[in-house]
C-alpha atoms as a PDB file:
ATOM      1  CA  MET A   1     -24.744  -6.380 -11.716  1.00  0.00           C
ATOM      2  CA  PRO A   2     -24.881  -8.698 -14.676  1.00  0.00           C
ATOM      3  CA  ILE A   3     -22.695 -11.535 -15.048  1.00  0.00           C
ATOM      4  CA  LYS A   4     -21.222 -12.781 -18.265  1.00  0.00           C
ATOM      5  CA  ASN A   5     -22.238 -16.285 -18.902  1.00  0.00           C
ATOM      6  CA  ASP A   6     -19.113 -17.516 -19.583  1.00  0.00           C
ATOM      7  CA  GLY A   7     -20.445 -21.365 -18.714  1.00  0.00           C
ATOM      8  CA  ASP A   8     -18.270 -22.012 -15.537  1.00  0.00           C
ATOM      9  CA  LEU A   9     -20.820 -23.591 -13.572  1.00  0.00           C
ATOM     10  CA  ILE A  10     -18.468 -23.385 -10.303  1.00  0.00           C
ATOM     11  CA  ARG A  11     -18.428 -19.752 -10.574  1.00  0.00           C
ATOM     12  CA  ALA A  12     -21.796 -19.306 -10.688  1.00  0.00           C
ATOM     13  CA  VAL A  13     -22.335 -21.226  -7.536  1.00  0.00           C
ATOM     14  CA  GLY A  14     -19.727 -19.252  -5.867  1.00  0.00           C
ATOM     15  CA  TYR A  15     -21.397 -15.925  -6.855  1.00  0.00           C
ATOM     16  CA  VAL A  16     -24.558 -17.519  -5.524  1.00  0.00           C
ATOM     17  CA  ALA A  17     -23.039 -18.223  -2.372  1.00  0.00           C
ATOM     18  CA  ILE A  18     -21.605 -15.064  -1.832  1.00  0.00           C
ATOM     19  CA  TYR A  19     -24.720 -12.922  -2.475  1.00  0.00           C
ATOM     20  CA  SER A  20     -26.624 -15.344  -0.118  1.00  0.00           C
ATOM     21  CA  ALA A  21     -24.263 -14.523   2.922  1.00  0.00           C
ATOM     22  CA  TYR A  22     -24.532 -10.832   1.945  1.00  0.00           C
ATOM     23  CA  VAL A  23     -28.663 -11.554   2.265  1.00  0.00           C
ATOM     24  CA  GLU A  24     -28.300 -13.237   5.114  1.00  0.00           C
ATOM     25  CA  GLU A  25     -26.068 -10.487   6.754  1.00  0.00           C
ATOM     26  CA  ALA A  26     -28.559  -7.906   5.499  1.00  0.00           C
ATOM     27  CA  ILE A  27     -31.641  -9.934   7.497  1.00  0.00           C
ATOM     28  CA  GLU A  28     -29.249 -10.163  10.802  1.00  0.00           C
ATOM     29  CA  GLU A  29     -28.522  -6.442  10.778  1.00  0.00           C
ATOM     30  CA  ILE A  30     -32.283  -5.744  10.516  1.00  0.00           C
ATOM     31  CA  ILE A  31     -33.249  -7.887  13.144  1.00  0.00           C
ATOM     32  CA  THR A  32     -30.269  -6.719  15.568  1.00  0.00           C
ATOM     33  CA  GLU A  33     -31.630  -3.107  14.905  1.00  0.00           C
ATOM     34  CA  MET A  34     -35.110  -4.363  15.719  1.00  0.00           C
ATOM     35  CA  GLN A  35     -33.931  -5.628  18.947  1.00  0.00           C
ATOM     36  CA  ARG A  36     -32.703  -2.069  19.730  1.00  0.00           C
ATOM     37  CA  LEU A  37     -35.839  -0.888  19.158  1.00  0.00           C
ATOM     38  CA  ASP A  38     -37.879  -3.545  20.944  1.00  0.00           C
ATOM     39  CA  GLY A  39     -36.002  -5.337  23.797  1.00  0.00           C
ATOM     40  CA  THR A  40     -38.785  -8.362  23.969  1.00  0.00           C
ATOM     41  CA  ILE A  41     -37.159  -9.888  20.752  1.00  0.00           C
ATOM     42  CA  GLU A  42     -34.803 -12.857  22.169  1.00  0.00           C
ATOM     43  CA  ASP A  43     -31.583 -13.634  20.575  1.00  0.00           C
ATOM     44  CA  LYS A  44     -33.196 -17.360  19.492  1.00  0.00           C
ATOM     45  CA  ILE A  45     -34.805 -15.691  16.388  1.00  0.00           C
ATOM     46  CA  PHE A  46     -30.808 -15.730  14.968  1.00  0.00           C
ATOM     47  CA  ARG A  47     -30.762 -19.694  15.002  1.00  0.00           C
ATOM     48  CA  GLN A  48     -34.087 -19.711  12.455  1.00  0.00           C
ATOM     49  CA  HIS A  49     -33.849 -20.438   9.095  1.00  0.00           C
ATOM     50  CA  ILE A  50     -33.615 -17.308   7.397  1.00  0.00           C
ATOM     51  CA  SER A  51     -37.150 -17.848   5.693  1.00  0.00           C
ATOM     52  CA  GLN A  52     -38.416 -17.407   9.110  1.00  0.00           C
ATOM     53  CA  GLN A  53     -36.544 -14.577  10.171  1.00  0.00           C
ATOM     54  CA  ILE A  54     -37.931 -13.233   6.919  1.00  0.00           C
ATOM     55  CA  LYS A  55     -41.426 -13.877   8.085  1.00  0.00           C
ATOM     56  CA  PHE A  56     -40.708 -12.411  11.389  1.00  0.00           C
ATOM     57  CA  ILE A  57     -39.358  -9.228   9.808  1.00  0.00           C
ATOM     58  CA  LYS A  58     -42.619  -8.912   7.950  1.00  0.00           C
ATOM     59  CA  LYS A  59     -44.914  -9.452  11.088  1.00  0.00           C
ATOM     60  CA  TRP A  60     -43.192  -7.373  13.340  1.00  0.00           C
ATOM     61  CA  CYS A  61     -43.298  -4.360  11.024  1.00  0.00           C
ATOM     62  CA  LEU A  62     -47.113  -5.125  10.247  1.00  0.00           C
ATOM     63  CA  ASP A  63     -47.929  -5.728  13.698  1.00  0.00           C
ATOM     64  CA  HIS A  64     -45.867  -2.102  14.408  1.00  0.00           C
ATOM     65  CA  GLN A  65     -47.419  -0.483  11.432  1.00  0.00           C
ATOM     66  CA  LEU A  66     -44.139   0.284  10.224  1.00  0.00           C
ATOM     67  CA  LEU A  67     -44.835  -1.058   6.386  1.00  0.00           C
ATOM     68  CA  GLY A  68     -46.191   1.504   3.786  1.00  0.00           C
ATOM     69  CA  SER A  69     -49.090   0.427   1.767  1.00  0.00           C
ATOM     70  CA  GLN A  70     -46.675  -0.404  -0.855  1.00  0.00           C
ATOM     71  CA  LEU A  71     -44.791  -2.846   0.842  1.00  0.00           C
ATOM     72  CA  VAL A  72     -47.674  -4.768   2.534  1.00  0.00           C
ATOM     73  CA  GLY A  73     -47.884  -7.309  -0.361  1.00  0.00           C
ATOM     74  CA  PHE A  74     -44.453  -7.093  -1.625  1.00  0.00           C
ATOM     75  CA  ASP A  75     -43.897 -11.013  -0.858  1.00  0.00           C
ATOM     76  CA  HIS A  76     -46.644 -11.422  -3.228  1.00  0.00           C
ATOM     77  CA  TRP A  77     -44.586 -10.504  -6.096  1.00  0.00           C
ATOM     78  CA  ILE A  78     -41.609 -12.947  -6.138  1.00  0.00           C
ATOM     79  CA  PRO A  79     -42.749 -15.995  -7.483  1.00  0.00           C
ATOM     80  CA  PRO A  80     -42.100 -19.239  -5.363  1.00  0.00           C
ATOM     81  CA  LEU A  81     -39.593 -21.665  -5.832  1.00  0.00           C
ATOM     82  CA  PRO A  82     -39.968 -24.750  -7.721  1.00  0.00           C
ATOM     83  CA  PRO A  83     -39.830 -27.820  -5.560  1.00  0.00           C
ATOM     84  CA  SER A  84     -36.516 -29.423  -5.373  1.00  0.00           C
ATOM     85  CA  GLN A  85     -35.938 -32.658  -7.074  1.00  0.00           C
END
Protein backbone atom coordinates (compact mmCIF):
# COMPACT_ATOMS: atom_id res chain seq x y z
CA MET A 1 0.00 0.00 0.00
CA PRO A 2 1.64 3.27 -1.08
CA ILE A 3 1.75 6.00 1.54
CA LYS A 4 1.45 9.64 0.56
CA ASN A 5 4.58 11.61 1.41
CA ASP A 6 3.24 14.34 3.67
CA GLY A 7 6.62 15.08 5.24
CA ASP A 8 5.60 13.69 8.64
CA LEU A 9 8.67 11.75 9.76
CA ILE A 10 7.07 10.57 13.00
CA ARG A 11 4.15 9.02 11.12
CA ALA A 12 6.60 7.30 8.74
CA VAL A 13 8.55 5.85 11.67
CA GLY A 14 5.26 4.67 13.17
CA TYR A 15 4.39 2.83 9.96
CA VAL A 16 7.80 1.18 9.94
CA ALA A 17 7.31 0.04 13.53
CA ILE A 18 3.84 -1.34 12.82
CA TYR A 19 4.87 -3.23 9.69
CA SER A 20 7.99 -4.56 11.41
CA ALA A 21 5.78 -5.98 14.14
CA TYR A 22 3.61 -7.65 11.47
CA VAL A 23 6.70 -9.23 9.91
CA GLU A 24 7.98 -10.46 13.29
CA GLU A 25 4.59 -11.97 14.05
CA ALA A 26 4.51 -13.76 10.69
CA ILE A 27 8.01 -15.17 11.27
CA GLU A 28 6.97 -16.45 14.69
CA GLU A 29 3.89 -18.09 13.16
CA ILE A 30 6.07 -19.83 10.56
CA ILE A 31 8.41 -21.17 13.26
CA THR A 32 5.46 -22.28 15.39
CA GLU A 33 4.11 -24.24 12.43
CA MET A 34 7.56 -25.70 11.82
CA GLN A 35 7.65 -26.83 15.48
CA ARG A 36 4.33 -28.59 14.94
CA LEU A 37 5.86 -30.48 12.02
CA ASP A 38 9.25 -31.11 13.62
CA GLY A 39 9.27 -31.68 17.36
CA THR A 40 13.03 -31.16 17.61
CA ILE A 41 12.86 -27.36 17.18
CA GLU A 42 13.40 -25.75 20.57
CA ASP A 43 11.66 -22.63 21.88
CA LYS A 44 15.00 -20.85 22.26
CA ILE A 45 14.80 -19.94 18.56
CA PHE A 46 12.22 -17.30 19.54
CA ARG A 47 14.86 -15.47 21.60
CA GLN A 48 17.15 -15.10 18.57
CA HIS A 49 17.26 -11.95 16.43
CA ILE A 50 14.82 -11.88 13.53
CA SER A 51 17.66 -12.20 11.02
CA GLN A 52 18.80 -15.41 12.76
CA GLN A 53 15.23 -16.72 12.75
CA ILE A 54 14.97 -16.09 9.01
CA LYS A 55 18.27 -17.91 8.41
CA PHE A 56 16.99 -20.78 10.55
CA ILE A 57 13.75 -20.98 8.51
CA LYS A 58 15.68 -20.98 5.24
CA LYS A 59 18.13 -23.66 6.41
CA TRP A 60 15.33 -25.83 7.81
CA CYS A 61 13.39 -25.59 4.55
CA LEU A 62 16.49 -26.39 2.48
CA ASP A 63 17.38 -29.32 4.75
CA HIS A 64 13.85 -30.70 4.37
CA GLN A 65 13.79 -29.91 0.62
CA LEU A 66 10.71 -27.72 0.97
CA LEU A 67 11.82 -24.83 -1.23
CA GLY A 68 11.15 -24.97 -4.93
CA SER A 69 13.95 -24.14 -7.33
CA GLN A 70 12.53 -20.61 -7.79
CA LEU A 71 12.88 -19.81 -4.07
CA VAL A 72 16.27 -21.29 -3.25
CA GLY A 73 18.16 -18.05 -3.93
CA PHE A 74 15.43 -15.57 -3.04
CA ASP A 75 17.49 -13.83 -0.40
CA HIS A 76 20.13 -12.91 -2.98
CA TRP A 77 17.59 -10.69 -4.77
CA ILE A 78 17.25 -8.45 -1.72
CA PRO A 79 19.98 -5.81 -1.61
CA PRO A 80 21.93 -5.60 1.66
CA LEU A 81 21.19 -2.73 4.02
CA PRO A 82 23.82 -0.01 4.18
CA PRO A 83 25.94 -0.03 7.34
CA SER A 84 24.49 2.08 10.14
CA GLN A 85 26.23 5.35 10.86
